[in-house]
């Protein structure tokens, strides 16, 4: 599964995993750099999905008015 195919829940869960690794100092500098790149992609996935859900919600609310 590519990162683009992740659900919001999967992307958020991976972000939490990376956060724990960072907080527990389990990453060396090279690994930290790679994880930060991954975080950037995951944050974009989550943001895009939230904006899409917000737009759909607004559309539904407008239709019921």
N, C-alpha and C. Protein backbone atom coordinates (compact mmCIF):
# COMPACT_ATOMS: atom_id res chain seq x y z
N UNK A 1 0.86 -1.18 0.00
CA UNK A 1 0.00 0.00 0.00
C UNK A 1 0.90 1.24 0.00
N UNK A 2 0.63 2.14 -0.91
CA UNK A 2 1.42 3.37 -0.94
C UNK A 2 0.91 4.33 0.13
N UNK A 3 1.74 5.31 0.45
CA UNK A 3 1.34 6.27 1.48
C UNK A 3 0.08 7.02 1.08
N UNK A 4 -0.13 7.23 -0.22
CA UNK A 4 -1.31 7.97 -0.69
C UNK A 4 -2.59 7.18 -0.45
N UNK A 5 -2.49 5.85 -0.31
CA UNK A 5 -3.66 5.00 -0.11
C UNK A 5 -4.02 4.84 1.37
N UNK A 6 -3.25 5.45 2.25
CA UNK A 6 -3.52 5.31 3.68
C UNK A 6 -4.82 6.01 4.05
N UNK A 7 -5.53 5.42 4.96
CA UNK A 7 -6.70 6.09 5.52
C UNK A 7 -6.21 7.14 6.51
N UNK A 8 -7.11 8.02 6.91
CA UNK A 8 -6.76 9.03 7.92
C UNK A 8 -6.28 8.33 9.19
N UNK A 9 -7.01 7.32 9.60
CA UNK A 9 -6.69 6.60 10.83
C UNK A 9 -5.30 5.96 10.75
N UNK A 10 -4.98 5.36 9.62
CA UNK A 10 -3.67 4.73 9.44
C UNK A 10 -2.54 5.77 9.46
N UNK A 11 -2.75 6.88 8.76
CA UNK A 11 -1.73 7.93 8.72
C UNK A 11 -1.52 8.52 10.11
N UNK A 12 -2.61 8.78 10.82
CA UNK A 12 -2.52 9.35 12.16
C UNK A 12 -1.82 8.38 13.11
N UNK A 13 -2.13 7.11 12.99
CA UNK A 13 -1.50 6.09 13.83
C UNK A 13 0.01 6.05 13.59
N UNK A 14 0.41 6.15 12.32
CA UNK A 14 1.84 6.16 11.99
C UNK A 14 2.50 7.41 12.57
N UNK A 15 1.83 8.54 12.51
CA UNK A 15 2.37 9.76 13.12
C UNK A 15 2.60 9.56 14.61
N UNK A 16 1.66 8.90 15.28
CA UNK A 16 1.81 8.64 16.71
C UNK A 16 3.00 7.72 16.98
N UNK A 17 3.20 6.72 16.12
CA UNK A 17 4.34 5.81 16.27
C UNK A 17 5.65 6.57 16.16
N UNK A 18 5.73 7.43 15.17
CA UNK A 18 6.95 8.21 14.97
C UNK A 18 7.17 9.15 16.14
N UNK A 19 6.10 9.75 16.64
CA UNK A 19 6.22 10.64 17.80
C UNK A 19 6.81 9.89 18.99
N UNK A 20 6.33 8.67 19.23
CA UNK A 20 6.85 7.88 20.35
C UNK A 20 8.34 7.57 20.17
N UNK A 21 8.74 7.24 18.93
CA UNK A 21 10.15 6.96 18.66
C UNK A 21 11.02 8.19 18.95
N UNK A 22 10.53 9.34 18.55
CA UNK A 22 11.29 10.58 18.78
C UNK A 22 11.36 10.88 20.26
N UNK A 23 10.22 10.80 20.95
CA UNK A 23 10.19 11.11 22.38
C UNK A 23 11.05 10.16 23.20
N UNK A 24 11.16 8.91 22.73
CA UNK A 24 11.96 7.91 23.45
C UNK A 24 13.42 7.91 23.00
N UNK A 25 13.79 8.87 22.17
CA UNK A 25 15.18 8.98 21.66
C UNK A 25 15.66 7.68 21.03
N UNK A 26 14.79 7.05 20.24
CA UNK A 26 15.14 5.77 19.63
C UNK A 26 15.65 5.92 18.20
N UNK A 27 15.83 7.14 17.74
CA UNK A 27 16.26 7.36 16.36
C UNK A 27 17.62 8.05 16.33
N UNK A 28 18.51 7.56 15.45
CA UNK A 28 19.75 8.31 15.26
C UNK A 28 19.47 9.44 14.26
N UNK A 29 20.44 10.27 14.02
CA UNK A 29 20.23 11.46 13.20
C UNK A 29 19.76 11.11 11.79
N UNK A 30 20.36 10.11 11.17
CA UNK A 30 19.97 9.72 9.82
C UNK A 30 18.54 9.21 9.78
N UNK A 31 18.20 8.39 10.74
CA UNK A 31 16.84 7.84 10.81
C UNK A 31 15.83 8.94 11.13
N UNK A 32 16.22 9.86 11.99
CA UNK A 32 15.34 10.97 12.34
C UNK A 32 15.01 11.79 11.10
N UNK A 33 16.00 12.04 10.27
CA UNK A 33 15.78 12.79 9.03
C UNK A 33 14.76 12.08 8.13
N UNK A 34 14.90 10.78 7.98
CA UNK A 34 13.96 10.01 7.16
C UNK A 34 12.56 10.02 7.75
N UNK A 35 12.46 9.89 9.06
CA UNK A 35 11.14 9.90 9.70
C UNK A 35 10.48 11.27 9.56
N UNK A 36 11.26 12.34 9.62
CA UNK A 36 10.69 13.67 9.46
C UNK A 36 10.15 13.87 8.04
N UNK A 37 10.81 13.30 7.06
CA UNK A 37 10.29 13.34 5.68
C UNK A 37 8.96 12.59 5.61
N UNK A 38 8.91 11.43 6.27
CA UNK A 38 7.68 10.64 6.31
C UNK A 38 6.56 11.42 7.01
N UNK A 39 6.91 12.10 8.10
CA UNK A 39 5.93 12.90 8.84
C UNK A 39 5.33 13.96 7.93
N UNK A 40 6.15 14.59 7.13
CA UNK A 40 5.67 15.62 6.21
C UNK A 40 4.60 15.07 5.26
N UNK A 41 4.85 13.90 4.71
CA UNK A 41 3.89 13.26 3.81
C UNK A 41 2.62 12.89 4.56
N UNK A 42 2.78 12.31 5.74
CA UNK A 42 1.63 11.88 6.54
C UNK A 42 0.76 13.06 6.96
N UNK A 43 1.39 14.16 7.33
CA UNK A 43 0.62 15.36 7.71
C UNK A 43 -0.18 15.88 6.53
N UNK A 44 0.41 15.85 5.34
CA UNK A 44 -0.32 16.31 4.15
C UNK A 44 -1.51 15.40 3.88
N UNK A 45 -1.34 14.10 4.03
CA UNK A 45 -2.44 13.15 3.83
C UNK A 45 -3.57 13.47 4.81
N UNK A 46 -3.23 13.65 6.09
CA UNK A 46 -4.25 13.93 7.10
C UNK A 46 -4.93 15.26 6.81
N UNK A 47 -4.16 16.28 6.49
CA UNK A 47 -4.73 17.61 6.20
C UNK A 47 -5.68 17.54 5.02
N UNK A 48 -5.26 16.87 3.94
CA UNK A 48 -6.11 16.76 2.75
C UNK A 48 -7.41 16.05 3.06
N UNK A 49 -7.33 14.98 3.84
CA UNK A 49 -8.54 14.23 4.18
C UNK A 49 -9.46 15.05 5.08
N UNK A 50 -8.90 15.83 6.00
CA UNK A 50 -9.72 16.68 6.86
C UNK A 50 -10.41 17.78 6.05
N UNK A 51 -9.69 18.41 5.12
CA UNK A 51 -10.30 19.45 4.29
C UNK A 51 -11.39 18.87 3.40
N UNK A 52 -11.17 17.67 2.87
CA UNK A 52 -12.18 17.02 2.05
C UNK A 52 -13.44 16.73 2.88
N UNK A 53 -13.24 16.17 4.06
CA UNK A 53 -14.38 15.87 4.93
C UNK A 53 -15.12 17.14 5.32
N UNK A 54 -14.38 18.22 5.60
CA UNK A 54 -15.00 19.49 5.96
C UNK A 54 -15.85 20.02 4.80
N UNK A 55 -15.29 19.96 3.60
CA UNK A 55 -16.03 20.43 2.43
C UNK A 55 -17.30 19.64 2.20
N UNK A 56 -17.21 18.33 2.35
CA UNK A 56 -18.38 17.47 2.16
C UNK A 56 -19.42 17.75 3.25
N UNK A 57 -18.96 17.95 4.47
CA UNK A 57 -19.88 18.25 5.57
C UNK A 57 -20.59 19.57 5.32
N UNK A 58 -19.85 20.59 4.90
CA UNK A 58 -20.46 21.90 4.61
C UNK A 58 -21.50 21.78 3.50
N UNK A 59 -21.19 20.99 2.49
CA UNK A 59 -22.12 20.80 1.38
C UNK A 59 -23.41 20.14 1.87
N UNK A 60 -23.28 19.12 2.69
CA UNK A 60 -24.46 18.43 3.23
C UNK A 60 -25.29 19.37 4.09
N UNK A 61 -24.60 20.16 4.93
CA UNK A 61 -25.34 21.10 5.79
C UNK A 61 -26.07 22.15 4.96
N UNK A 62 -25.47 22.60 3.88
CA UNK A 62 -26.13 23.57 3.01
C UNK A 62 -27.36 22.96 2.33
N UNK A 63 -27.26 21.69 1.97
CA UNK A 63 -28.38 21.01 1.30
C UNK A 63 -29.57 20.85 2.24
N UNK A 64 -29.32 20.71 3.53
CA UNK A 64 -30.45 20.52 4.45
C UNK A 64 -31.07 21.83 4.91
N UNK A 65 -30.46 22.92 4.60
CA UNK A 65 -31.04 24.21 5.00
C UNK A 65 -32.23 24.55 4.17
